[in-house]
Structure formats: C-alpha cells, structure tokens
Amino acid sequence: MMSTGVQWIGTLGPGKTERWYTWGWNPALHVVWYMMPTTPKSGAPELGWEVAVERANATQCTYWITVKNLTNVQVTFEGRYAILS
C-alpha cells in the first residue's frame, strides 16, 4: 500500500535555487520526492527539482532535494513524498 505526505513547506524567491535535506529514512523503502506549488501562476512550470541520496549508515539514508523557482515571482510549495509499496 502506498503512503504519501508533506515533509516540508518552502518558499523560493524569483529564479532562486535552494537545497533541503531530510534524514533518517529506511533505505529499504522506495521513496519518490515531488514538489507541489501552492502559489498559483498559470501558463508555465513553476518549479524544477533534483534528488540526491546519501547512505548515512546501514539503517538510514538522507535525501538532498534541490529545488529551483522557474518563475519571476516568489513561489511557496510543499515538499511531498510517496512511499511506494
């Protein structure tokens, strides 16, 4: 059974890029990360992101998520995850 949630809420200024991290995840899980803007702006994509992973130890991993605001206005967004079954 799949589970989903919001790990954090972030805000990026126009054209800005920042990196977030979240730690303590079980490396046996298949986790998908995605960003959902909560600031409406129609006509074009608002966010781009990349995910990197660190195996912190035998039982935990850390995800490093870099998010870029593709617009010329401030964007607030949710950093969401889905744990696939």
PDB file of N, CA and C in Angstrom:
ATOM      1  N   MET A   1       0.841  -1.172   0.000  1.00  0.00           N
ATOM      2  CA  MET A   1       0.000   0.000   0.000  1.00  0.00           C
ATOM      3  C   MET A   1       0.892   1.243   0.000  1.00  0.00           C
ATOM      4  N   MET A   2       0.586   2.189  -0.851  1.00  0.00           N
ATOM      5  CA  MET A   2       1.355   3.415  -0.958  1.00  0.00           C
ATOM      6  C   MET A   2       0.923   4.402   0.126  1.00  0.00           C
ATOM      7  N   SER A   3       1.906   5.156   0.651  1.00  0.00           N
ATOM      8  CA  SER A   3       1.581   6.241   1.575  1.00  0.00           C
ATOM      9  C   SER A   3       2.241   7.514   1.071  1.00  0.00           C
ATOM     10  N   THR A   4       1.597   8.649   1.349  1.00  0.00           N
ATOM     11  CA  THR A   4       2.090   9.946   0.892  1.00  0.00           C
ATOM     12  C   THR A   4       2.052  10.937   2.034  1.00  0.00           C
ATOM     13  N   GLY A   5       2.783  12.050   1.876  1.00  0.00           N
ATOM     14  CA  GLY A   5       2.762  13.077   2.896  1.00  0.00           C
ATOM     15  C   GLY A   5       3.527  14.307   2.456  1.00  0.00           C
ATOM     16  N   VAL A   6       3.490  15.317   3.308  1.00  0.00           N
ATOM     17  CA  VAL A   6       4.236  16.550   3.105  1.00  0.00           C
ATOM     18  C   VAL A   6       5.362  16.565   4.132  1.00  0.00           C
ATOM     19  N   GLN A   7       6.605  16.653   3.672  1.00  0.00           N
ATOM     20  CA  GLN A   7       7.752  16.674   4.572  1.00  0.00           C
ATOM     21  C   GLN A   7       8.106  18.089   5.018  1.00  0.00           C
ATOM     22  N   TRP A   8       7.915  19.076   4.127  1.00  0.00           N
ATOM     23  CA  TRP A   8       8.198  20.460   4.492  1.00  0.00           C
ATOM     24  C   TRP A   8       7.440  21.402   3.561  1.00  0.00           C
ATOM     25  N   ILE A   9       7.354  22.664   3.991  1.00  0.00           N
ATOM     26  CA  ILE A   9       6.815  23.744   3.166  1.00  0.00           C
ATOM     27  C   ILE A   9       7.945  24.742   2.973  1.00  0.00           C
ATOM     28  N   GLY A  10       8.180  25.120   1.719  1.00  0.00           N
ATOM     29  CA  GLY A  10       9.272  26.032   1.406  1.00  0.00           C
ATOM     30  C   GLY A  10       8.802  27.209   0.579  1.00  0.00           C
ATOM     31  N   THR A  11       9.629  28.240   0.548  1.00  0.00           N
ATOM     32  CA  THR A  11       9.384  29.425  -0.270  1.00  0.00           C
ATOM     33  C   THR A  11      10.681  29.791  -0.964  1.00  0.00           C
ATOM     34  N   LEU A  12      10.583  30.083  -2.250  1.00  0.00           N
ATOM     35  CA  LEU A  12      11.740  30.499  -3.041  1.00  0.00           C
ATOM     36  C   LEU A  12      11.441  31.819  -3.735  1.00  0.00           C
ATOM     37  N   GLY A  13      12.407  32.728  -3.695  1.00  0.00           N
ATOM     38  CA  GLY A  13      12.288  33.974  -4.433  1.00  0.00           C
ATOM     39  C   GLY A  13      12.414  33.734  -5.927  1.00  0.00           C
ATOM     40  N   PRO A  14      12.132  34.747  -6.732  1.00  0.00           N
ATOM     41  CA  PRO A  14      12.199  34.623  -8.187  1.00  0.00           C
ATOM     42  C   PRO A  14      13.557  34.104  -8.658  1.00  0.00           C
ATOM     43  N   GLY A  15      13.538  33.030  -9.430  1.00  0.00           N
ATOM     44  CA  GLY A  15      14.754  32.475 -10.025  1.00  0.00           C
ATOM     45  C   GLY A  15      15.723  31.831  -9.047  1.00  0.00           C
ATOM     46  N   LYS A  16      15.363  31.705  -7.778  1.00  0.00           N
ATOM     47  CA  LYS A  16      16.275  31.178  -6.758  1.00  0.00           C
ATOM     48  C   LYS A  16      16.294  29.655  -6.737  1.00  0.00           C
ATOM     49  N   THR A  17      17.412  29.113  -6.248  1.00  0.00           N
ATOM     50  CA  THR A  17      17.596  27.678  -6.043  1.00  0.00           C
ATOM     51  C   THR A  17      18.071  27.454  -4.622  1.00  0.00           C
ATOM     52  N   GLU A  18      17.481  26.462  -3.941  1.00  0.00           N
ATOM     53  CA  GLU A  18      17.913  26.095  -2.596  1.00  0.00           C
ATOM     54  C   GLU A  18      17.866  24.585  -2.455  1.00  0.00           C
ATOM     55  N   ARG A  19      18.602  24.088  -1.443  1.00  0.00           N
ATOM     56  CA  ARG A  19      18.644  22.655  -1.174  1.00  0.00           C
ATOM     57  C   ARG A  19      18.078  22.381   0.218  1.00  0.00           C
ATOM     58  N   TRP A  20      17.230  21.372   0.293  1.00  0.00           N
ATOM     59  CA  TRP A  20      16.687  20.884   1.552  1.00  0.00           C
ATOM     60  C   TRP A  20      17.193  19.470   1.772  1.00  0.00           C
ATOM     61  N   TYR A  21      17.195  19.017   3.023  1.00  0.00           N
ATOM     62  CA  TYR A  21      17.524  17.615   3.282  1.00  0.00           C
ATOM     63  C   TYR A  21      16.563  17.049   4.315  1.00  0.00           C
ATOM     64  N   THR A  22      16.383  15.752   4.255  1.00  0.00           N
ATOM     65  CA  THR A  22      15.546  15.033   5.196  1.00  0.00           C
ATOM     66  C   THR A  22      16.236  13.719   5.496  1.00  0.00           C
ATOM     67  N   TRP A  23      16.403  13.395   6.766  1.00  0.00           N
ATOM     68  CA  TRP A  23      17.257  12.288   7.171  1.00  0.00           C
ATOM     69  C   TRP A  23      16.477  11.228   7.951  1.00  0.00           C
ATOM     70  N   GLY A  24      17.123  10.093   8.125  1.00  0.00           N
ATOM     71  CA  GLY A  24      16.567   9.014   8.937  1.00  0.00           C
ATOM     72  C   GLY A  24      15.638   8.074   8.198  1.00  0.00           C
ATOM     73  N   TRP A  25      15.658   8.110   6.871  1.00  0.00           N
ATOM     74  CA  TRP A  25      14.769   7.261   6.072  1.00  0.00           C
ATOM     75  C   TRP A  25      15.336   5.847   5.968  1.00  0.00           C
ATOM     76  N   ASN A  26      14.449   4.886   5.990  1.00  0.00           N
ATOM     77  CA  ASN A  26      14.830   3.482   5.833  1.00  0.00           C
ATOM     78  C   ASN A  26      15.262   3.253   4.383  1.00  0.00           C
ATOM     79  N   PRO A  27      16.488   2.803   4.161  1.00  0.00           N
ATOM     80  CA  PRO A  27      16.953   2.611   2.780  1.00  0.00           C
ATOM     81  C   PRO A  27      16.244   1.479   2.042  1.00  0.00           C
ATOM     82  N   ALA A  28      15.488   0.652   2.750  1.00  0.00           N
ATOM     83  CA  ALA A  28      14.737  -0.416   2.086  1.00  0.00           C
ATOM     84  C   ALA A  28      13.463   0.108   1.417  1.00  0.00           C
ATOM     85  N   LEU A  29      13.040   1.318   1.784  1.00  0.00           N
ATOM     86  CA  LEU A  29      11.831   1.907   1.198  1.00  0.00           C
ATOM     87  C   LEU A  29      12.131   2.498  -0.176  1.00  0.00           C
ATOM     88  N   HIS A  30      11.130   2.485  -1.035  1.00  0.00           N
ATOM     89  CA  HIS A  30      11.227   3.165  -2.335  1.00  0.00           C
ATOM     90  C   HIS A  30      10.462   4.477  -2.195  1.00  0.00           C
ATOM     91  N   VAL A  31      11.212   5.592  -2.058  1.00  0.00           N
ATOM     92  CA  VAL A  31      10.614   6.903  -1.802  1.00  0.00           C
ATOM     93  C   VAL A  31      10.759   7.780  -3.047  1.00  0.00           C
ATOM     94  N   VAL A  32       9.658   8.389  -3.463  1.00  0.00           N
ATOM     95  CA  VAL A  32       9.648   9.320  -4.589  1.00  0.00           C
ATOM     96  C   VAL A  32       9.363  10.706  -4.013  1.00  0.00           C
ATOM     97  N   TRP A  33      10.168  11.688  -4.424  1.00  0.00           N
ATOM     98  CA  TRP A  33      10.002  13.070  -3.958  1.00  0.00           C
ATOM     99  C   TRP A  33       9.436  13.932  -5.083  1.00  0.00           C
ATOM    100  N   TYR A  34       8.510  14.821  -4.744  1.00  0.00           N
ATOM    101  CA  TYR A  34       7.959  15.744  -5.735  1.00  0.00           C
ATOM    102  C   TYR A  34       7.529  17.032  -5.051  1.00  0.00           C
ATOM    103  N   MET A  35       7.575  18.116  -5.802  1.00  0.00           N
ATOM    104  CA  MET A  35       7.259  19.443  -5.290  1.00  0.00           C
ATOM    105  C   MET A  35       5.930  19.903  -5.883  1.00  0.00           C
ATOM    106  N   MET A  36       5.088  20.480  -5.023  1.00  0.00           N
ATOM    107  CA  MET A  36       3.782  20.967  -5.468  1.00  0.00           C
ATOM    108  C   MET A  36       3.641  22.435  -5.098  1.00  0.00           C
ATOM    109  N   PRO A  37       3.622  23.337  -6.099  1.00  0.00           N
ATOM    110  CA  PRO A  37       3.437  24.762  -5.793  1.00  0.00           C
ATOM    111  C   PRO A  37       2.082  24.993  -5.128  1.00  0.00           C
ATOM    112  N   THR A  38       2.064  25.873  -4.142  1.00  0.00           N
ATOM    113  CA  THR A  38       0.799  26.314  -3.544  1.00  0.00           C
ATOM    114  C   THR A  38       0.491  27.749  -3.960  1.00  0.00           C
ATOM    115  N   THR A  39       1.434  28.379  -4.667  1.00  0.00           N
ATOM    116  CA  THR A  39       1.248  29.709  -5.230  1.00  0.00           C
ATOM    117  C   THR A  39       0.794  29.547  -6.679  1.00  0.00           C
ATOM    118  N   PRO A  40      -0.439  29.920  -7.007  1.00  0.00           N
ATOM    119  CA  PRO A  40      -0.903  29.760  -8.389  1.00  0.00           C
ATOM    120  C   PRO A  40      -0.196  30.726  -9.346  1.00  0.00           C
ATOM    121  N   LYS A  41       0.184  30.208 -10.504  1.00  0.00           N
ATOM    122  CA  LYS A  41       0.740  31.021 -11.599  1.00  0.00           C
ATOM    123  C   LYS A  41       0.574  30.201 -12.864  1.00  0.00           C
ATOM    124  N   SER A  42      -0.437  30.481 -13.622  1.00  0.00           N
ATOM    125  CA  SER A  42      -0.740  29.666 -14.794  1.00  0.00           C
ATOM    126  C   SER A  42       0.137  30.041 -15.981  1.00  0.00           C
ATOM    127  N   GLY A  43       0.253  29.096 -16.906  1.00  0.00           N
ATOM    128  CA  GLY A  43       0.919  29.364 -18.167  1.00  0.00           C
ATOM    129  C   GLY A  43       2.274  28.726 -18.356  1.00  0.00           C
ATOM    130  N   ALA A  44       2.919  28.272 -17.265  1.00  0.00           N
ATOM    131  CA  ALA A  44       4.251  27.676 -17.403  1.00  0.00           C
ATOM    132  C   ALA A  44       4.609  26.937 -16.116  1.00  0.00           C
ATOM    133  N   PRO A  45       5.585  26.029 -16.176  1.00  0.00           N
ATOM    134  CA  PRO A  45       6.034  25.347 -14.958  1.00  0.00           C
ATOM    135  C   PRO A  45       6.586  26.358 -13.949  1.00  0.00           C
ATOM    136  N   GLU A  46       6.403  26.059 -12.667  1.00  0.00           N
ATOM    137  CA  GLU A  46       6.887  26.947 -11.607  1.00  0.00           C
ATOM    138  C   GLU A  46       8.162  26.434 -10.942  1.00  0.00           C
ATOM    139  N   LEU A  47       8.299  25.118 -10.831  1.00  0.00           N
ATOM    140  CA  LEU A  47       9.408  24.538 -10.086  1.00  0.00           C
ATOM    141  C   LEU A  47      10.080  23.412 -10.857  1.00  0.00           C
ATOM    142  N   GLY A  48      11.380  23.290 -10.634  1.00  0.00           N
ATOM    143  CA  GLY A  48      12.132  22.132 -11.068  1.00  0.00           C
ATOM    144  C   GLY A  48      12.884  21.600  -9.859  1.00  0.00           C
ATOM    145  N   TRP A  49      13.209  20.297  -9.814  1.00  0.00           N
ATOM    146  CA  TRP A  49      13.935  19.764  -8.667  1.00  0.00           C
ATOM    147  C   TRP A  49      14.762  18.554  -9.065  1.00  0.00           C
ATOM    148  N   GLU A  50      15.779  18.307  -8.236  1.00  0.00           N
ATOM    149  CA  GLU A  50      16.643  17.138  -8.375  1.00  0.00           C
ATOM    150  C   GLU A  50      16.782  16.503  -7.006  1.00  0.00           C
ATOM    151  N   VAL A  51      16.895  15.185  -6.983  1.00  0.00           N
ATOM    152  CA  VAL A  51      17.025  14.450  -5.726  1.00  0.00           C
ATOM    153  C   VAL A  51      18.343  13.683  -5.737  1.00  0.00           C
ATOM    154  N   ALA A  52      19.067  13.800  -4.630  1.00  0.00           N
ATOM    155  CA  ALA A  52      20.285  13.017  -4.424  1.00  0.00           C
ATOM    156  C   ALA A  52      20.117  12.273  -3.100  1.00  0.00           C
ATOM    157  N   VAL A  53      20.831  11.159  -2.949  1.00  0.00           N
ATOM    158  CA  VAL A  53      20.680  10.359  -1.732  1.00  0.00           C
ATOM    159  C   VAL A  53      22.045  10.020  -1.141  1.00  0.00           C
ATOM    160  N   GLU A  54      22.095  10.030   0.180  1.00  0.00           N
ATOM    161  CA  GLU A  54      23.296   9.673   0.948  1.00  0.00           C
ATOM    162  C   GLU A  54      22.945   8.477   1.826  1.00  0.00           C
ATOM    163  N   ARG A  55      23.764   7.437   1.788  1.00  0.00           N
ATOM    164  CA  ARG A  55      23.579   6.303   2.704  1.00  0.00           C
ATOM    165  C   ARG A  55      24.323   6.649   3.985  1.00  0.00           C
ATOM    166  N   ALA A  56      23.622   7.177   4.975  1.00  0.00           N
ATOM    167  CA  ALA A  56      24.238   7.687   6.199  1.00  0.00           C
ATOM    168  C   ALA A  56      24.863   6.572   7.038  1.00  0.00           C
ATOM    169  N   ASN A  57      24.190   5.418   7.098  1.00  0.00           N
ATOM    170  CA  ASN A  57      24.707   4.244   7.801  1.00  0.00           C
ATOM    171  C   ASN A  57      23.948   3.025   7.297  1.00  0.00           C
ATOM    172  N   ALA A  58      24.080   1.902   7.960  1.00  0.00           N
ATOM    173  CA  ALA A  58      23.461   0.667   7.469  1.00  0.00           C
ATOM    174  C   ALA A  58      21.939   0.701   7.491  1.00  0.00           C
ATOM    175  N   THR A  59      21.358   1.552   8.342  1.00  0.00           N
ATOM    176  CA  THR A  59      19.898   1.541   8.504  1.00  0.00           C
ATOM    177  C   THR A  59      19.204   2.848   8.162  1.00  0.00           C
ATOM    178  N   GLN A  60      19.964   3.868   7.711  1.00  0.00           N
ATOM    179  CA  GLN A  60      19.349   5.167   7.426  1.00  0.00           C
ATOM    180  C   GLN A  60      19.963   5.819   6.188  1.00  0.00           C
ATOM    181  N   CYS A  61      19.117   6.577   5.486  1.00  0.00           N
ATOM    182  CA  CYS A  61      19.624   7.383   4.383  1.00  0.00           C
ATOM    183  C   CYS A  61      19.071   8.805   4.507  1.00  0.00           C
ATOM    184  N   THR A  62      19.759   9.715   3.843  1.00  0.00           N
ATOM    185  CA  THR A  62      19.376  11.125   3.809  1.00  0.00           C
ATOM    186  C   THR A  62      19.114  11.499   2.363  1.00  0.00           C
ATOM    187  N   TYR A  63      17.992  12.171   2.123  1.00  0.00           N
ATOM    188  CA  TYR A  63      17.680  12.691   0.792  1.00  0.00           C
ATOM    189  C   TYR A  63      18.010  14.173   0.761  1.00  0.00           C
ATOM    190  N   TRP A  64      18.695  14.604  -0.283  1.00  0.00           N
ATOM    191  CA  TRP A  64      19.039  16.005  -0.529  1.00  0.00           C
ATOM    192  C   TRP A  64      18.245  16.438  -1.757  1.00  0.00           C
ATOM    193  N   ILE A  65      17.336  17.397  -1.578  1.00  0.00           N
ATOM    194  CA  ILE A  65      16.445  17.819  -2.661  1.00  0.00           C
ATOM    195  C   ILE A  65      16.747  19.276  -3.003  1.00  0.00           C
ATOM    196  N   THR A  66      17.167  19.508  -4.239  1.00  0.00           N
ATOM    197  CA  THR A  66      17.464  20.850  -4.736  1.00  0.00           C
ATOM    198  C   THR A  66      16.271  21.324  -5.550  1.00  0.00           C
ATOM    199  N   VAL A  67      15.717  22.470  -5.166  1.00  0.00           N
ATOM    200  CA  VAL A  67      14.511  22.995  -5.811  1.00  0.00           C
ATOM    201  C   VAL A  67      14.839  24.341  -6.441  1.00  0.00           C
ATOM    202  N   LYS A  68      14.382  24.545  -7.685  1.00  0.00           N
ATOM    203  CA  LYS A  68      14.598  25.802  -8.403  1.00  0.00           C
ATOM    204  C   LYS A  68      13.262  26.428  -8.764  1.00  0.00           C
ATOM    205  N   ASN A  69      13.137  27.719  -8.469  1.00  0.00           N
ATOM    206  CA  ASN A  69      11.971  28.500  -8.869  1.00  0.00           C
ATOM    207  C   ASN A  69      12.194  28.932 -10.317  1.00  0.00           C
ATOM    208  N   LEU A  70      11.330  28.501 -11.203  1.00  0.00           N
ATOM    209  CA  LEU A  70      11.458  28.787 -12.641  1.00  0.00           C
ATOM    210  C   LEU A  70      10.743  30.073 -13.052  1.00  0.00           C
ATOM    211  N   THR A  71      10.195  30.799 -12.071  1.00  0.00           N
ATOM    212  CA  THR A  71       9.375  31.983 -12.390  1.00  0.00           C
ATOM    213  C   THR A  71      10.072  33.275 -11.972  1.00  0.00           C
ATOM    214  N   ASN A  72       9.407  34.378 -12.275  1.00  0.00           N
ATOM    215  CA  ASN A  72       9.905  35.700 -11.882  1.00  0.00           C
ATOM    216  C   ASN A  72       9.142  36.256 -10.671  1.00  0.00           C
ATOM    217  N   VAL A  73       8.453  35.373  -9.927  1.00  0.00           N
ATOM    218  CA  VAL A  73       7.749  35.743  -8.698  1.00  0.00           C
ATOM    219  C   VAL A  73       8.099  34.744  -7.596  1.00  0.00           C
ATOM    220  N   GLN A  74       7.865  35.124  -6.356  1.00  0.00           N
ATOM    221  CA  GLN A  74       8.076  34.213  -5.235  1.00  0.00           C
ATOM    222  C   GLN A  74       7.086  33.060  -5.307  1.00  0.00           C
ATOM    223  N   VAL A  75       7.561  31.838  -5.004  1.00  0.00           N
ATOM    224  CA  VAL A  75       6.706  30.651  -5.038  1.00  0.00           C
ATOM    225  C   VAL A  75       6.823  29.918  -3.700  1.00  0.00           C
ATOM    226  N   THR A  76       5.684  29.571  -3.128  1.00  0.00           N
ATOM    227  CA  THR A  76       5.621  28.706  -1.960  1.00  0.00           C
ATOM    228  C   THR A  76       5.184  27.325  -2.439  1.00  0.00           C
ATOM    229  N   PHE A  77       5.739  26.278  -1.816  1.00  0.00           N
ATOM    230  CA  PHE A  77       5.473  24.921  -2.293  1.00  0.00           C
ATOM    231  C   PHE A  77       5.537  23.924  -1.146  1.00  0.00           C
ATOM    232  N   GLU A  78       4.970  22.751  -1.388  1.00  0.00           N
ATOM    233  CA  GLU A  78       5.090  21.627  -0.466  1.00  0.00           C
ATOM    234  C   GLU A  78       6.125  20.649  -1.001  1.00  0.00           C
ATOM    235  N   GLY A  79       7.014  20.204  -0.135  1.00  0.00           N
ATOM    236  CA  GLY A  79       7.939  19.122  -0.468  1.00  0.00           C
ATOM    237  C   GLY A  79       7.262  17.824  -0.083  1.00  0.00           C
ATOM    238  N   ARG A  80       6.750  17.115  -1.078  1.00  0.00           N
ATOM    239  CA  ARG A  80       5.939  15.918  -0.848  1.00  0.00           C
ATOM    240  C   ARG A  80       6.730  14.638  -1.139  1.00  0.00           C
ATOM    241  N   TYR A  81       6.290  13.552  -0.511  1.00  0.00           N
ATOM    242  CA  TYR A  81       6.887  12.248  -0.771  1.00  0.00           C
ATOM    243  C   TYR A  81       5.799  11.208  -0.967  1.00  0.00           C
ATOM    244  N   ALA A  82       6.155  10.149  -1.667  1.00  0.00           N
ATOM    245  CA  ALA A  82       5.315   8.974  -1.800  1.00  0.00           C
ATOM    246  C   ALA A  82       6.189   7.752  -1.514  1.00  0.00           C
ATOM    247  N   ILE A  83       5.763   6.932  -0.587  1.00  0.00           N
ATOM    248  CA  ILE A  83       6.441   5.673  -0.317  1.00  0.00           C
ATOM    249  C   ILE A  83       5.662   4.597  -1.057  1.00  0.00           C
ATOM    250  N   LEU A  84       6.310   4.002  -2.051  1.00  0.00           N
ATOM    251  CA  LEU A  84       5.653   3.019  -2.897  1.00  0.00           C
ATOM    252  C   LEU A  84       5.697   1.641  -2.237  1.00  0.00           C
ATOM    253  N   SER A  85       4.663   0.864  -2.452  1.00  0.00           N
ATOM    254  CA  SER A  85       4.633  -0.477  -1.849  1.00  0.00           C
ATOM    255  C   SER A  85       5.333  -1.477  -2.741  1.00  0.00           C
TER     256      SER A  85
END
